[in-house]
Structure formats: structure tokens, C-alpha cells
């Protein structure tokens, strides 16, 4: 069940269809880009993604809950996601570079174990 329909949840308090609910929904895109970028560029650390999520929740608890603050949050997230994509490239948002390097070490059976611990 969507949290917008659960009484007492943060999302329900935004009001389904309100300006703040739309800003909240649109902010999920840049937040997802940032979390993906950090996760993939921190040796796939789940803790890094959790800390980003926690910092967003902390800011939400410390800042006033207004449409203006929500719009500024969306703008900040969008600029940060854009900087990550433009500064480091969209290829860093995927594990493709890590997978291509691992493919060179695969043995004949197609697994890293088949290559042995001292294989080039």
C-alpha cells in the first residue's frame, strides 16, 4: 500500500496531490541517482547509501516543513545529481566498469574461482 494512503505517515501528512507531495515524488529521481553513484563508487557499500538516506531524514527533521524548503531541497538534489553525472560521467552510475575488469580474470569455467588466486 502506498504510504500516501497510510494515516499518520509522513507521506500522508503531505497530502496526496499537494505541491509538497509532487515535490517529494520528483525528488526521488535525483536522490536515486545520488545514492546509486555513491553506492557504486564506495566499493558497493550499503552503509554509504544508508547514510545518505539518514542525512536526508535528518535535514527534513531540522528544517521547517514548507513548500519553499521542499523546492530548495529538490533543487539541491537535482544540482548534486547533475554534478555527479557531468563530473564523473554516467558510466560511473553502473557497475559496468567493475564488471568489465572482472571479466578479464575469469577462468575457462567462467568463474573467478576457476582462474585461481594467482591468475593475472
PDB file of N, CA and C in Angstrom:
ATOM      1  N   UNK A   1       0.846  -1.173   0.000  1.00  0.00           N
ATOM      2  CA  UNK A   1       0.000   0.000   0.000  1.00  0.00           C
ATOM      3  C   UNK A   1       0.894   1.240   0.000  1.00  0.00           C
ATOM      4  N   UNK A   2       0.617   2.202  -0.873  1.00  0.00           N
ATOM      5  CA  UNK A   2       1.408   3.439  -0.892  1.00  0.00           C
ATOM      6  C   UNK A   2       1.288   4.192   0.432  1.00  0.00           C
ATOM      7  N   UNK A   3       2.402   4.730   0.896  1.00  0.00           N
ATOM      8  CA  UNK A   3       2.400   5.427   2.178  1.00  0.00           C
ATOM      9  C   UNK A   3       1.539   6.682   2.159  1.00  0.00           C
ATOM     10  N   UNK A   4       1.223   7.193   0.970  1.00  0.00           N
ATOM     11  CA  UNK A   4       0.328   8.348   0.897  1.00  0.00           C
ATOM     12  C   UNK A   4      -1.068   8.001   1.417  1.00  0.00           C
ATOM     13  N   UNK A   5      -1.373   6.710   1.461  1.00  0.00           N
ATOM     14  CA  UNK A   5      -2.688   6.273   1.914  1.00  0.00           C
ATOM     15  C   UNK A   5      -2.680   5.747   3.346  1.00  0.00           C
ATOM     16  N   UNK A   6      -1.531   5.741   4.014  1.00  0.00           N
ATOM     17  CA  UNK A   6      -1.422   5.245   5.383  1.00  0.00           C
ATOM     18  C   UNK A   6      -1.518   6.431   6.335  1.00  0.00           C
ATOM     19  N   UNK A   7      -2.609   6.507   7.105  1.00  0.00           N
ATOM     20  CA  UNK A   7      -2.763   7.628   8.033  1.00  0.00           C
ATOM     21  C   UNK A   7      -1.610   7.700   9.030  1.00  0.00           C
ATOM     22  N   UNK A   8      -1.121   8.913   9.273  1.00  0.00           N
ATOM     23  CA  UNK A   8      -0.048   9.132  10.225  1.00  0.00           C
ATOM     24  C   UNK A   8       1.349   9.068   9.630  1.00  0.00           C
ATOM     25  N   UNK A   9       1.478   8.613   8.389  1.00  0.00           N
ATOM     26  CA  UNK A   9       2.806   8.560   7.767  1.00  0.00           C
ATOM     27  C   UNK A   9       3.191   9.955   7.265  1.00  0.00           C
ATOM     28  N   UNK A  10       4.491  10.163   7.083  1.00  0.00           N
ATOM     29  CA  UNK A  10       4.989  11.439   6.579  1.00  0.00           C
ATOM     30  C   UNK A  10       4.341  11.776   5.237  1.00  0.00           C
ATOM     31  N   UNK A  11       4.271  10.780   4.370  1.00  0.00           N
ATOM     32  CA  UNK A  11       3.716  10.998   3.036  1.00  0.00           C
ATOM     33  C   UNK A  11       2.238  11.370   3.087  1.00  0.00           C
ATOM     34  N   UNK A  12       1.482  10.746   3.982  1.00  0.00           N
ATOM     35  CA  UNK A  12       0.056  11.070   4.113  1.00  0.00           C
ATOM     36  C   UNK A  12      -0.132  12.493   4.625  1.00  0.00           C
ATOM     37  N   UNK A  13       0.773  12.926   5.495  1.00  0.00           N
ATOM     38  CA  UNK A  13       0.683  14.291   6.019  1.00  0.00           C
ATOM     39  C   UNK A  13       0.988  15.339   4.957  1.00  0.00           C
ATOM     40  N   UNK A  14       1.718  14.948   3.892  1.00  0.00           N
ATOM     41  CA  UNK A  14       1.972  15.885   2.798  1.00  0.00           C
ATOM     42  C   UNK A  14       0.684  16.222   2.066  1.00  0.00           C
ATOM     43  N   UNK A  15      -0.226  15.277   2.016  1.00  0.00           N
ATOM     44  CA  UNK A  15      -1.480  15.472   1.304  1.00  0.00           C
ATOM     45  C   UNK A  15      -1.356  15.031  -0.145  1.00  0.00           C
ATOM     46  N   UNK A  16      -2.037  13.983  -0.497  1.00  0.00           N
ATOM     47  CA  UNK A  16      -1.963  13.428  -1.856  1.00  0.00           C
ATOM     48  C   UNK A  16      -2.407  14.472  -2.878  1.00  0.00           C
ATOM     49  N   UNK A  17      -1.539  14.777  -3.822  1.00  0.00           N
ATOM     50  CA  UNK A  17      -1.845  15.759  -4.854  1.00  0.00           C
ATOM     51  C   UNK A  17      -1.434  17.183  -4.517  1.00  0.00           C
ATOM     52  N   UNK A  18      -0.915  17.399  -3.308  1.00  0.00           N
ATOM     53  CA  UNK A  18      -0.474  18.749  -2.931  1.00  0.00           C
ATOM     54  C   UNK A  18       0.861  19.057  -3.597  1.00  0.00           C
ATOM     55  N   UNK A  19       1.247  20.324  -3.571  1.00  0.00           N
ATOM     56  CA  UNK A  19       2.523  20.734  -4.143  1.00  0.00           C
ATOM     57  C   UNK A  19       3.675  19.986  -3.477  1.00  0.00           C
ATOM     58  N   UNK A  20       3.646  19.875  -2.145  1.00  0.00           N
ATOM     59  CA  UNK A  20       4.723  19.174  -1.436  1.00  0.00           C
ATOM     60  C   UNK A  20       4.778  17.703  -1.796  1.00  0.00           C
ATOM     61  N   UNK A  21       3.648  17.067  -2.070  1.00  0.00           N
ATOM     62  CA  UNK A  21       3.679  15.652  -2.459  1.00  0.00           C
ATOM     63  C   UNK A  21       4.319  15.492  -3.836  1.00  0.00           C
ATOM     64  N   UNK A  22       4.049  16.427  -4.748  1.00  0.00           N
ATOM     65  CA  UNK A  22       4.676  16.360  -6.074  1.00  0.00           C
ATOM     66  C   UNK A  22       6.177  16.614  -5.991  1.00  0.00           C
ATOM     67  N   UNK A  23       6.569  17.584  -5.166  1.00  0.00           N
ATOM     68  CA  UNK A  23       8.000  17.848  -4.979  1.00  0.00           C
ATOM     69  C   UNK A  23       8.681  16.623  -4.382  1.00  0.00           C
ATOM     70  N   UNK A  24       8.023  16.002  -3.403  1.00  0.00           N
ATOM     71  CA  UNK A  24       8.569  14.791  -2.786  1.00  0.00           C
ATOM     72  C   UNK A  24       8.759  13.692  -3.831  1.00  0.00           C
ATOM     73  N   UNK A  25       7.763  13.481  -4.664  1.00  0.00           N
ATOM     74  CA  UNK A  25       7.858  12.432  -5.692  1.00  0.00           C
ATOM     75  C   UNK A  25       8.968  12.736  -6.693  1.00  0.00           C
ATOM     76  N   UNK A  26       9.057  13.975  -7.156  1.00  0.00           N
ATOM     77  CA  UNK A  26      10.096  14.339  -8.124  1.00  0.00           C
ATOM     78  C   UNK A  26      11.496  14.293  -7.512  1.00  0.00           C
ATOM     79  N   UNK A  27      11.609  14.503  -6.207  1.00  0.00           N
ATOM     80  CA  UNK A  27      12.927  14.469  -5.572  1.00  0.00           C
ATOM     81  C   UNK A  27      13.490  13.051  -5.483  1.00  0.00           C
ATOM     82  N   UNK A  28      12.659  12.047  -5.678  1.00  0.00           N
ATOM     83  CA  UNK A  28      13.140  10.667  -5.625  1.00  0.00           C
ATOM     84  C   UNK A  28      14.082  10.348  -6.790  1.00  0.00           C
ATOM     85  N   UNK A  29      13.920  11.019  -7.929  1.00  0.00           N
ATOM     86  CA  UNK A  29      14.788  10.751  -9.089  1.00  0.00           C
ATOM     87  C   UNK A  29      16.222  11.198  -8.813  1.00  0.00           C
ATOM     88  N   UNK A  30      16.476  12.470  -8.463  1.00  0.00           N
ATOM     89  CA  UNK A  30      17.870  12.848  -8.192  1.00  0.00           C
ATOM     90  C   UNK A  30      18.438  12.144  -6.961  1.00  0.00           C
ATOM     91  N   UNK A  31      17.601  11.867  -5.962  1.00  0.00           N
ATOM     92  CA  UNK A  31      18.077  11.143  -4.783  1.00  0.00           C
ATOM     93  C   UNK A  31      18.528   9.738  -5.170  1.00  0.00           C
ATOM     94  N   UNK A  32      17.786   9.084  -6.046  1.00  0.00           N
ATOM     95  CA  UNK A  32      18.166   7.746  -6.511  1.00  0.00           C
ATOM     96  C   UNK A  32      19.466   7.782  -7.303  1.00  0.00           C
ATOM     97  N   UNK A  33      19.644   8.820  -8.119  1.00  0.00           N
ATOM     98  CA  UNK A  33      20.889   8.962  -8.884  1.00  0.00           C
ATOM     99  C   UNK A  33      22.067   9.128  -7.922  1.00  0.00           C
ATOM    100  N   UNK A  34      21.918   9.991  -6.916  1.00  0.00           N
ATOM    101  CA  UNK A  34      22.998  10.207  -5.953  1.00  0.00           C
ATOM    102  C   UNK A  34      23.310   8.948  -5.150  1.00  0.00           C
ATOM    103  N   UNK A  35      22.281   8.266  -4.689  1.00  0.00           N
ATOM    104  CA  UNK A  35      22.505   7.054  -3.908  1.00  0.00           C
ATOM    105  C   UNK A  35      23.178   5.983  -4.759  1.00  0.00           C
ATOM    106  N   UNK A  36      22.788   5.870  -6.015  1.00  0.00           N
ATOM    107  CA  UNK A  36      23.416   4.902  -6.917  1.00  0.00           C
ATOM    108  C   UNK A  36      24.869   5.250  -7.142  1.00  0.00           C
ATOM    109  N   UNK A  37      25.139   6.525  -7.389  1.00  0.00           N
ATOM    110  CA  UNK A  37      26.511   6.967  -7.636  1.00  0.00           C
ATOM    111  C   UNK A  37      27.397   6.700  -6.418  1.00  0.00           C
ATOM    112  N   UNK A  38      26.925   7.061  -5.234  1.00  0.00           N
ATOM    113  CA  UNK A  38      27.717   6.857  -4.019  1.00  0.00           C
ATOM    114  C   UNK A  38      27.919   5.365  -3.761  1.00  0.00           C
ATOM    115  N   UNK A  39      26.880   4.569  -3.895  1.00  0.00           N
ATOM    116  CA  UNK A  39      26.987   3.128  -3.669  1.00  0.00           C
ATOM    117  C   UNK A  39      28.011   2.495  -4.617  1.00  0.00           C
ATOM    118  N   UNK A  40      27.923   2.815  -5.889  1.00  0.00           N
ATOM    119  CA  UNK A  40      28.822   2.213  -6.877  1.00  0.00           C
ATOM    120  C   UNK A  40      30.251   2.723  -6.776  1.00  0.00           C
ATOM    121  N   UNK A  41      30.456   3.903  -6.194  1.00  0.00           N
ATOM    122  CA  UNK A  41      31.787   4.479  -6.099  1.00  0.00           C
ATOM    123  C   UNK A  41      32.361   4.409  -4.689  1.00  0.00           C
ATOM    124  N   UNK A  42      31.761   3.611  -3.848  1.00  0.00           N
ATOM    125  CA  UNK A  42      32.283   3.402  -2.491  1.00  0.00           C
ATOM    126  C   UNK A  42      32.439   1.902  -2.239  1.00  0.00           C
ATOM    127  N   UNK A  43      32.910   1.194  -3.252  1.00  0.00           N
ATOM    128  CA  UNK A  43      33.102  -0.257  -3.174  1.00  0.00           C
ATOM    129  C   UNK A  43      31.794  -0.961  -2.825  1.00  0.00           C
ATOM    130  N   UNK A  44      30.706  -0.432  -3.373  1.00  0.00           N
ATOM    131  CA  UNK A  44      29.367  -1.008  -3.180  1.00  0.00           C
ATOM    132  C   UNK A  44      28.996  -1.128  -1.704  1.00  0.00           C
ATOM    133  N   UNK A  45      29.233  -0.061  -0.973  1.00  0.00           N
ATOM    134  CA  UNK A  45      28.947  -0.017   0.457  1.00  0.00           C
ATOM    135  C   UNK A  45      27.487   0.358   0.689  1.00  0.00           C
ATOM    136  N   UNK A  46      26.744  -0.551   1.280  1.00  0.00           N
ATOM    137  CA  UNK A  46      25.352  -0.273   1.617  1.00  0.00           C
ATOM    138  C   UNK A  46      25.280   0.818   2.674  1.00  0.00           C
ATOM    139  N   UNK A  47      26.255   0.848   3.565  1.00  0.00           N
ATOM    140  CA  UNK A  47      26.278   1.866   4.607  1.00  0.00           C
ATOM    141  C   UNK A  47      26.294   3.269   4.012  1.00  0.00           C
ATOM    142  N   UNK A  48      26.999   3.460   2.917  1.00  0.00           N
ATOM    143  CA  UNK A  48      27.057   4.789   2.300  1.00  0.00           C
ATOM    144  C   UNK A  48      25.667   5.231   1.834  1.00  0.00           C
ATOM    145  N   UNK A  49      24.909   4.331   1.245  1.00  0.00           N
ATOM    146  CA  UNK A  49      23.554   4.678   0.807  1.00  0.00           C
ATOM    147  C   UNK A  49      22.644   4.937   2.001  1.00  0.00           C
ATOM    148  N   UNK A  50      22.801   4.155   3.062  1.00  0.00           N
ATOM    149  CA  UNK A  50      22.004   4.355   4.275  1.00  0.00           C
ATOM    150  C   UNK A  50      22.317   5.718   4.888  1.00  0.00           C
ATOM    151  N   UNK A  51      23.593   6.106   4.897  1.00  0.00           N
ATOM    152  CA  UNK A  51      23.963   7.403   5.470  1.00  0.00           C
ATOM    153  C   UNK A  51      23.407   8.570   4.663  1.00  0.00           C
ATOM    154  N   UNK A  52      23.343   8.423   3.346  1.00  0.00           N
ATOM    155  CA  UNK A  52      22.726   9.473   2.525  1.00  0.00           C
ATOM    156  C   UNK A  52      21.245   9.593   2.873  1.00  0.00           C
ATOM    157  N   UNK A  53      20.585   8.458   2.985  1.00  0.00           N
ATOM    158  CA  UNK A  53      19.157   8.465   3.329  1.00  0.00           C
ATOM    159  C   UNK A  53      18.947   9.083   4.715  1.00  0.00           C
ATOM    160  N   UNK A  54      19.806   8.700   5.662  1.00  0.00           N
ATOM    161  CA  UNK A  54      19.694   9.232   7.013  1.00  0.00           C
ATOM    162  C   UNK A  54      19.925  10.738   7.034  1.00  0.00           C
ATOM    163  N   UNK A  55      20.909  11.222   6.278  1.00  0.00           N
ATOM    164  CA  UNK A  55      21.173  12.660   6.259  1.00  0.00           C
ATOM    165  C   UNK A  55      19.985  13.431   5.694  1.00  0.00           C
ATOM    166  N   UNK A  56      19.311  12.854   4.702  1.00  0.00           N
ATOM    167  CA  UNK A  56      18.097  13.487   4.177  1.00  0.00           C
ATOM    168  C   UNK A  56      16.995  13.542   5.220  1.00  0.00           C
ATOM    169  N   UNK A  57      16.828  12.451   5.971  1.00  0.00           N
ATOM    170  CA  UNK A  57      15.817  12.436   7.034  1.00  0.00           C
ATOM    171  C   UNK A  57      16.161  13.428   8.133  1.00  0.00           C
ATOM    172  N   UNK A  58      17.447  13.536   8.465  1.00  0.00           N
ATOM    173  CA  UNK A  58      17.878  14.471   9.496  1.00  0.00           C
ATOM    174  C   UNK A  58      17.612  15.912   9.073  1.00  0.00           C
ATOM    175  N   UNK A  59      17.949  16.232   7.828  1.00  0.00           N
ATOM    176  CA  UNK A  59      17.667  17.587   7.321  1.00  0.00           C
ATOM    177  C   UNK A  59      16.178  17.878   7.336  1.00  0.00           C
ATOM    178  N   UNK A  60      15.383  16.881   6.975  1.00  0.00           N
ATOM    179  CA  UNK A  60      13.932  17.048   6.999  1.00  0.00           C
ATOM    180  C   UNK A  60      13.400  17.310   8.397  1.00  0.00           C
ATOM    181  N   UNK A  61      14.048  16.720   9.401  1.00  0.00           N
ATOM    182  CA  UNK A  61      13.617  16.932  10.787  1.00  0.00           C
ATOM    183  C   UNK A  61      14.077  18.281  11.329  1.00  0.00           C
ATOM    184  N   UNK A  62      15.199  18.787  10.820  1.00  0.00           N
ATOM    185  CA  UNK A  62      15.750  20.041  11.350  1.00  0.00           C
ATOM    186  C   UNK A  62      15.223  21.285  10.642  1.00  0.00           C
ATOM    187  N   UNK A  63      14.865  21.152   9.372  1.00  0.00           N
ATOM    188  CA  UNK A  63      14.402  22.309   8.595  1.00  0.00           C
ATOM    189  C   UNK A  63      12.886  22.440   8.683  1.00  0.00           C
ATOM    190  N   UNK A  64      12.372  23.651   8.527  1.00  0.00           N
ATOM    191  CA  UNK A  64      10.916  23.823   8.555  1.00  0.00           C
ATOM    192  C   UNK A  64      10.257  23.121   7.373  1.00  0.00           C
ATOM    193  N   UNK A  65       9.060  22.624   7.592  1.00  0.00           N
ATOM    194  CA  UNK A  65       8.329  21.881   6.563  1.00  0.00           C
ATOM    195  C   UNK A  65       7.451  22.839   5.752  1.00  0.00           C
ATOM    196  N   UNK A  66       8.069  23.493   4.779  1.00  0.00           N
ATOM    197  CA  UNK A  66       7.335  24.414   3.923  1.00  0.00           C
ATOM    198  C   UNK A  66       7.549  24.027   2.461  1.00  0.00           C
ATOM    199  N   UNK A  67       6.696  24.551   1.601  1.00  0.00           N
ATOM    200  CA  UNK A  67       6.850  24.289   0.165  1.00  0.00           C
ATOM    201  C   UNK A  67       8.171  24.846  -0.352  1.00  0.00           C
ATOM    202  N   UNK A  68       8.554  26.005   0.174  1.00  0.00           N
ATOM    203  CA  UNK A  68       9.795  26.640  -0.287  1.00  0.00           C
ATOM    204  C   UNK A  68      11.023  25.795   0.063  1.00  0.00           C
ATOM    205  N   UNK A  69      11.072  25.280   1.287  1.00  0.00           N
ATOM    206  CA  UNK A  69      12.194  24.429   1.705  1.00  0.00           C
ATOM    207  C   UNK A  69      12.206  23.145   0.879  1.00  0.00           C
ATOM    208  N   UNK A  70      11.034  22.567   0.627  1.00  0.00           N
ATOM    209  CA  UNK A  70      10.955  21.349  -0.185  1.00  0.00           C
ATOM    210  C   UNK A  70      11.445  21.615  -1.607  1.00  0.00           C
ATOM    211  N   UNK A  71      11.098  22.773  -2.172  1.00  0.00           N
ATOM    212  CA  UNK A  71      11.555  23.119  -3.523  1.00  0.00           C
ATOM    213  C   UNK A  71      13.067  23.344  -3.546  1.00  0.00           C
ATOM    214  N   UNK A  72      13.611  23.968  -2.505  1.00  0.00           N
ATOM    215  CA  UNK A  72      15.064  24.150  -2.414  1.00  0.00           C
ATOM    216  C   UNK A  72      15.781  22.809  -2.278  1.00  0.00           C
ATOM    217  N   UNK A  73      15.182  21.888  -1.526  1.00  0.00           N
ATOM    218  CA  UNK A  73      15.753  20.543  -1.397  1.00  0.00           C
ATOM    219  C   UNK A  73      15.783  19.844  -2.755  1.00  0.00           C
ATOM    220  N   UNK A  74      14.700  19.953  -3.503  1.00  0.00           N
ATOM    221  CA  UNK A  74      14.645  19.359  -4.847  1.00  0.00           C
ATOM    222  C   UNK A  74      15.708  19.984  -5.748  1.00  0.00           C
ATOM    223  N   UNK A  75      15.875  21.305  -5.679  1.00  0.00           N
ATOM    224  CA  UNK A  75      16.880  21.973  -6.499  1.00  0.00           C
ATOM    225  C   UNK A  75      18.283  21.518  -6.110  1.00  0.00           C
ATOM    226  N   UNK A  76      18.565  21.420  -4.812  1.00  0.00           N
ATOM    227  CA  UNK A  76      19.879  20.977  -4.346  1.00  0.00           C
ATOM    228  C   UNK A  76      20.159  19.544  -4.785  1.00  0.00           C
ATOM    229  N   UNK A  77      19.192  18.651  -4.603  1.00  0.00           N
ATOM    230  CA  UNK A  77      19.373  17.256  -5.019  1.00  0.00           C
ATOM    231  C   UNK A  77      19.600  17.155  -6.524  1.00  0.00           C
ATOM    232  N   UNK A  78      18.843  17.944  -7.287  1.00  0.00           N
ATOM    233  CA  UNK A  78      18.980  17.912  -8.742  1.00  0.00           C
ATOM    234  C   UNK A  78      20.351  18.408  -9.184  1.00  0.00           C
ATOM    235  N   UNK A  79      20.829  19.487  -8.561  1.00  0.00           N
ATOM    236  CA  UNK A  79      22.160  20.010  -8.899  1.00  0.00           C
ATOM    237  C   UNK A  79      23.258  19.027  -8.500  1.00  0.00           C
ATOM    238  N   UNK A  80      23.125  18.390  -7.346  1.00  0.00           N
ATOM    239  CA  UNK A  80      24.121  17.421  -6.910  1.00  0.00           C
ATOM    240  C   UNK A  80      24.145  16.207  -7.829  1.00  0.00           C
ATOM    241  N   UNK A  81      22.965  15.727  -8.240  1.00  0.00           N
ATOM    242  CA  UNK A  81      22.897  14.584  -9.161  1.00  0.00           C
ATOM    243  C   UNK A  81      23.472  14.965 -10.522  1.00  0.00           C
ATOM    244  N   UNK A  82      23.165  16.155 -10.978  1.00  0.00           N
ATOM    245  CA  UNK A  82      23.698  16.626 -12.254  1.00  0.00           C
ATOM    246  C   UNK A  82      25.220  16.748 -12.185  1.00  0.00           C
ATOM    247  N   UNK A  83      25.737  17.250 -11.072  1.00  0.00           N
ATOM    248  CA  UNK A  83      27.187  17.365 -10.901  1.00  0.00           C
ATOM    249  C   UNK A  83      27.848  15.991 -10.903  1.00  0.00           C
ATOM    250  N   UNK A  84      27.213  15.013 -10.270  1.00  0.00           N
ATOM    251  CA  UNK A  84      27.772  13.657 -10.256  1.00  0.00           C
ATOM    252  C   UNK A  84      27.807  13.067 -11.659  1.00  0.00           C
ATOM    253  N   UNK A  85      26.739  13.266 -12.415  1.00  0.00           N
ATOM    254  CA  UNK A  85      26.684  12.711 -13.775  1.00  0.00           C
ATOM    255  C   UNK A  85      27.641  13.439 -14.707  1.00  0.00           C
ATOM    256  N   UNK A  86      27.653  14.769 -14.639  1.00  0.00           N
ATOM    257  CA  UNK A  86      28.535  15.536 -15.531  1.00  0.00           C
ATOM    258  C   UNK A  86      29.996  15.464 -15.109  1.00  0.00           C
ATOM    259  N   UNK A  87      30.249  15.460 -13.820  1.00  0.00           N
ATOM    260  CA  UNK A  87      31.616  15.453 -13.320  1.00  0.00           C
ATOM    261  C   UNK A  87      32.310  14.106 -13.434  1.00  0.00           C
ATOM    262  N   UNK A  88      31.573  13.038 -13.192  1.00  0.00           N
ATOM    263  CA  UNK A  88      32.187  11.714 -13.206  1.00  0.00           C
ATOM    264  C   UNK A  88      31.670  10.840 -14.334  1.00  0.00           C
ATOM    265  N   UNK A  89      30.628  11.274 -15.004  1.00  0.00           N
ATOM    266  CA  UNK A  89      30.107  10.533 -16.144  1.00  0.00           C
ATOM    267  C   UNK A  89      29.028   9.545 -15.751  1.00  0.00           C
ATOM    268  N   UNK A  90      28.125   9.325 -16.666  1.00  0.00           N
ATOM    269  CA  UNK A  90      27.011   8.408 -16.427  1.00  0.00           C
ATOM    270  C   UNK A  90      27.491   6.969 -16.280  1.00  0.00           C
ATOM    271  N   UNK A  91      28.653   6.650 -16.854  1.00  0.00           N
ATOM    272  CA  UNK A  91      29.164   5.280 -16.752  1.00  0.00           C
ATOM    273  C   UNK A  91      29.490   4.903 -15.316  1.00  0.00           C
ATOM    274  N   UNK A  92      29.770   5.908 -14.460  1.00  0.00           N
ATOM    275  CA  UNK A  92      30.085   5.622 -13.057  1.00  0.00           C
ATOM    276  C   UNK A  92      28.829   5.322 -12.243  1.00  0.00           C
ATOM    277  N   UNK A  93      27.658   5.477 -12.853  1.00  0.00           N
ATOM    278  CA  UNK A  93      26.419   5.151 -12.157  1.00  0.00           C
ATOM    279  C   UNK A  93      26.090   3.668 -12.255  1.00  0.00           C
ATOM    280  N   UNK A  94      26.830   2.936 -13.072  1.00  0.00           N
ATOM    281  CA  UNK A  94      26.600   1.500 -13.204  1.00  0.00           C
ATOM    282  C   UNK A  94      27.835   0.746 -12.753  1.00  0.00           C
ATOM    283  N   UNK A  95      27.688  -0.549 -12.603  1.00  0.00           N
ATOM    284  CA  UNK A  95      28.819  -1.377 -12.223  1.00  0.00           C
ATOM    285  C   UNK A  95      29.539  -1.898 -13.458  1.00  0.00           C
ATOM    286  N   UNK A  96      29.253  -1.349 -14.622  1.00  0.00           N
ATOM    287  CA  UNK A  96      29.834  -1.849 -15.871  1.00  0.00           C
ATOM    288  C   UNK A  96      31.354  -1.846 -15.829  1.00  0.00           C
ATOM    289  N   UNK A  97      31.966  -0.780 -15.338  1.00  0.00           N
ATOM    290  CA  UNK A  97      33.431  -0.727 -15.321  1.00  0.00           C
ATOM    291  C   UNK A  97      33.997  -1.789 -14.379  1.00  0.00           C
ATOM    292  N   UNK A  98      33.329  -2.034 -13.267  1.00  0.00           N
ATOM    293  CA  UNK A  98      33.802  -3.061 -12.341  1.00  0.00           C
ATOM    294  C   UNK A  98      33.624  -4.447 -12.949  1.00  0.00           C
ATOM    295  N   UNK A  99      32.539  -4.655 -13.676  1.00  0.00           N
ATOM    296  CA  UNK A  99      32.289  -5.958 -14.267  1.00  0.00           C
ATOM    297  C   UNK A  99      33.229  -6.230 -15.429  1.00  0.00           C
ATOM    298  N   UNK A 100      33.556  -5.210 -16.213  1.00  0.00           N
ATOM    299  CA  UNK A 100      34.434  -5.443 -17.357  1.00  0.00           C
ATOM    300  C   UNK A 100      35.834  -5.812 -16.894  1.00  0.00           C
ATOM    301  N   UNK A 101      36.302  -5.239 -15.788  1.00  0.00           N
ATOM    302  CA  UNK A 101      37.609  -5.601 -15.256  1.00  0.00           C
ATOM    303  C   UNK A 101      37.614  -7.002 -14.687  1.00  0.00           C
ATOM    304  N   UNK A 102      36.506  -7.418 -14.088  1.00  0.00           N
ATOM    305  CA  UNK A 102      36.427  -8.758 -13.523  1.00  0.00           C
ATOM    306  C   UNK A 102      36.367  -9.806 -14.618  1.00  0.00           C
ATOM    307  N   UNK A 103      35.806  -9.458 -15.759  1.00  0.00           N
ATOM    308  CA  UNK A 103      35.679 -10.419 -16.845  1.00  0.00           C
ATOM    309  C   UNK A 103      37.018 -10.857 -17.395  1.00  0.00           C
ATOM    310  N   UNK A 104      38.029 -10.030 -17.281  1.00  0.00           N
ATOM    311  CA  UNK A 104      39.359 -10.374 -17.780  1.00  0.00           C
ATOM    312  C   UNK A 104      40.027 -11.438 -16.924  1.00  0.00           C
ATOM    313  N   UNK A 105      39.595 -11.574 -15.671  1.00  0.00           N
ATOM    314  CA  UNK A 105      40.226 -12.519 -14.763  1.00  0.00           C
ATOM    315  C   UNK A 105      39.499 -13.854 -14.713  1.00  0.00           C
ATOM    316  N   UNK A 106      38.398 -13.994 -15.431  1.00  0.00           N
ATOM    317  CA  UNK A 106      37.625 -15.225 -15.362  1.00  0.00           C
ATOM    318  C   UNK A 106      38.375 -16.378 -16.007  1.00  0.00           C
ATOM    319  N   UNK A 107      38.259 -17.541 -15.394  1.00  0.00           N
ATOM    320  CA  UNK A 107      38.868 -18.738 -15.946  1.00  0.00           C
ATOM    321  C   UNK A 107      38.000 -19.337 -17.026  1.00  0.00           C
ATOM    322  N   UNK A 108      38.372 -20.512 -17.496  1.00  0.00           N
ATOM    323  CA  UNK A 108      37.639 -21.142 -18.597  1.00  0.00           C
ATOM    324  C   UNK A 108      36.237 -21.536 -18.188  1.00  0.00           C
ATOM    325  N   UNK A 109      36.016 -21.792 -16.903  1.00  0.00           N
ATOM    326  CA  UNK A 109      34.677 -22.166 -16.447  1.00  0.00           C
ATOM    327  C   UNK A 109      33.790 -20.949 -16.260  1.00  0.00           C
ATOM    328  N   UNK A 110      34.360 -19.749 -16.411  1.00  0.00           N
ATOM    329  CA  UNK A 110      33.553 -18.542 -16.316  1.00  0.00           C
ATOM    330  C   UNK A 110      33.373 -18.033 -14.909  1.00  0.00           C
ATOM    331  N   UNK A 111      34.136 -18.521 -13.964  1.00  0.00           N
ATOM    332  CA  UNK A 111      34.014 -18.030 -12.596  1.00  0.00           C
ATOM    333  C   UNK A 111      35.372 -17.582 -12.095  1.00  0.00           C
ATOM    334  N   UNK A 112      35.402 -16.636 -11.165  1.00  0.00           N
ATOM    335  CA  UNK A 112      36.679 -16.167 -10.629  1.00  0.00           C
ATOM    336  C   UNK A 112      37.450 -17.296  -9.941  1.00  0.00           C
ATOM    337  N   UNK A 113      36.732 -18.251  -9.337  1.00  0.00           N
ATOM    338  CA  UNK A 113      37.401 -19.338  -8.658  1.00  0.00           C
ATOM    339  C   UNK A 113      38.176 -20.223  -9.633  1.00  0.00           C
ATOM    340  N   UNK A 114      37.674 -20.392 -10.850  1.00  0.00           N
ATOM    341  CA  UNK A 114      38.336 -21.236 -11.840  1.00  0.00           C
ATOM    342  C   UNK A 114      39.661 -20.629 -12.286  1.00  0.00           C
ATOM    343  N   UNK A 115      39.785 -19.302 -12.176  1.00  0.00           N
ATOM    344  CA  UNK A 115      41.000 -18.637 -12.595  1.00  0.00           C
ATOM    345  C   UNK A 115      42.134 -18.860 -11.592  1.00  0.00           C
ATOM    346  N   UNK A 116      41.794 -19.154 -10.363  1.00  0.00           N
ATOM    347  CA  UNK A 116      42.815 -19.390  -9.348  1.00  0.00           C
ATOM    348  C   UNK A 116      43.247 -18.093  -8.690  1.00  0.00           C
ATOM    349  N   UNK A 117      43.810 -18.179  -7.499  1.00  0.00           N
ATOM    350  CA  UNK A 117      44.160 -16.965  -6.749  1.00  0.00           C
ATOM    351  C   UNK A 117      45.340 -16.192  -7.339  1.00  0.00           C
ATOM    352  N   UNK A 118      46.201 -16.824  -8.124  1.00  0.00           N
ATOM    353  CA  UNK A 118      47.377 -16.138  -8.639  1.00  0.00           C
ATOM    354  C   UNK A 118      47.307 -15.886 -10.135  1.00  0.00           C
ATOM    355  N   UNK A 119      46.121 -15.960 -10.709  1.00  0.00           N
ATOM    356  CA  UNK A 119      45.970 -15.722 -12.141  1.00  0.00           C
ATOM    357  C   UNK A 119      46.109 -14.238 -12.437  1.00  0.00           C
ATOM    358  N   UNK A 120      46.618 -13.866 -13.611  1.00  0.00           N
ATOM    359  CA  UNK A 120      46.782 -12.442 -13.953  1.00  0.00           C
ATOM    360  C   UNK A 120      45.468 -11.733 -14.141  1.00  0.00           C
TER     361      UNK A 120
END
